[in-house]
Amino acid sequence: LAGIMQRTFAWLLERVQHLGAPVTLRASYLEIYNEQVSAVEGAQPTP
């Protein structure tokens, strides 16, 4: 099963392909788990 991020990007990419124009998609993601914040890029968790 794909998560919400994967499904959202798949949906967005499908939609922009029909535009016929160059499109740049950018996203950032912040995860808070057990009250520790970490970035998607794999940075060390911050207490």
Protein backbone atom coordinates (compact mmCIF):
# COMPACT_ATOMS: atom_id res chain seq x y z
CA LEU A 1 0.00 0.00 0.00
CA ALA A 2 1.20 3.47 -0.83
CA GLY A 3 1.13 6.24 1.75
CA ILE A 4 -0.60 9.56 1.35
CA MET A 5 2.55 11.28 0.05
CA GLN A 6 3.07 8.69 -2.70
CA ARG A 7 -0.61 8.77 -3.70
CA THR A 8 -0.66 12.58 -3.73
CA PHE A 9 2.41 12.82 -5.97
CA ALA A 10 1.07 10.14 -8.31
CA TRP A 11 -2.20 12.09 -8.58
CA LEU A 12 -0.39 15.41 -9.15
CA LEU A 13 1.92 13.95 -11.79
CA GLU A 14 -1.02 12.40 -13.61
CA ARG A 15 -2.84 15.75 -13.62
CA VAL A 16 0.08 17.87 -14.84
CA GLN A 17 0.96 15.46 -17.65
CA HIS A 18 -2.27 16.50 -19.36
CA LEU A 19 -1.27 20.19 -19.32
CA GLY A 20 1.32 19.80 -22.06
CA ALA A 21 3.54 22.46 -20.47
CA PRO A 22 6.66 22.15 -18.32
CA VAL A 23 5.81 22.00 -14.64
CA THR A 24 8.03 21.93 -11.57
CA LEU A 25 6.70 20.30 -8.42
CA ARG A 26 8.36 20.93 -5.08
CA ALA A 27 7.43 19.60 -1.69
CA SER A 28 8.70 19.51 1.83
CA TYR A 29 7.77 17.10 4.56
CA LEU A 30 8.02 17.38 8.30
CA GLU A 31 7.37 14.41 10.52
CA ILE A 32 6.61 14.61 14.21
CA TYR A 33 6.76 11.25 15.95
CA ASN A 34 7.03 10.71 19.69
CA GLU A 35 7.49 14.47 20.07
CA GLN A 36 10.70 14.39 18.00
CA VAL A 37 10.92 16.38 14.78
CA SER A 38 12.87 15.09 11.79
CA ALA A 39 13.16 16.11 8.15
CA VAL A 40 12.65 13.73 5.24
CA GLU A 41 16.26 14.17 4.12
CA GLY A 42 17.32 12.02 7.06
CA ALA A 43 18.51 14.73 9.43
CA GLN A 44 18.99 13.68 13.02
CA PRO A 45 15.85 14.06 15.18
CA THR A 46 15.63 17.23 17.26
CA PRO A 47 14.30 16.82 20.82
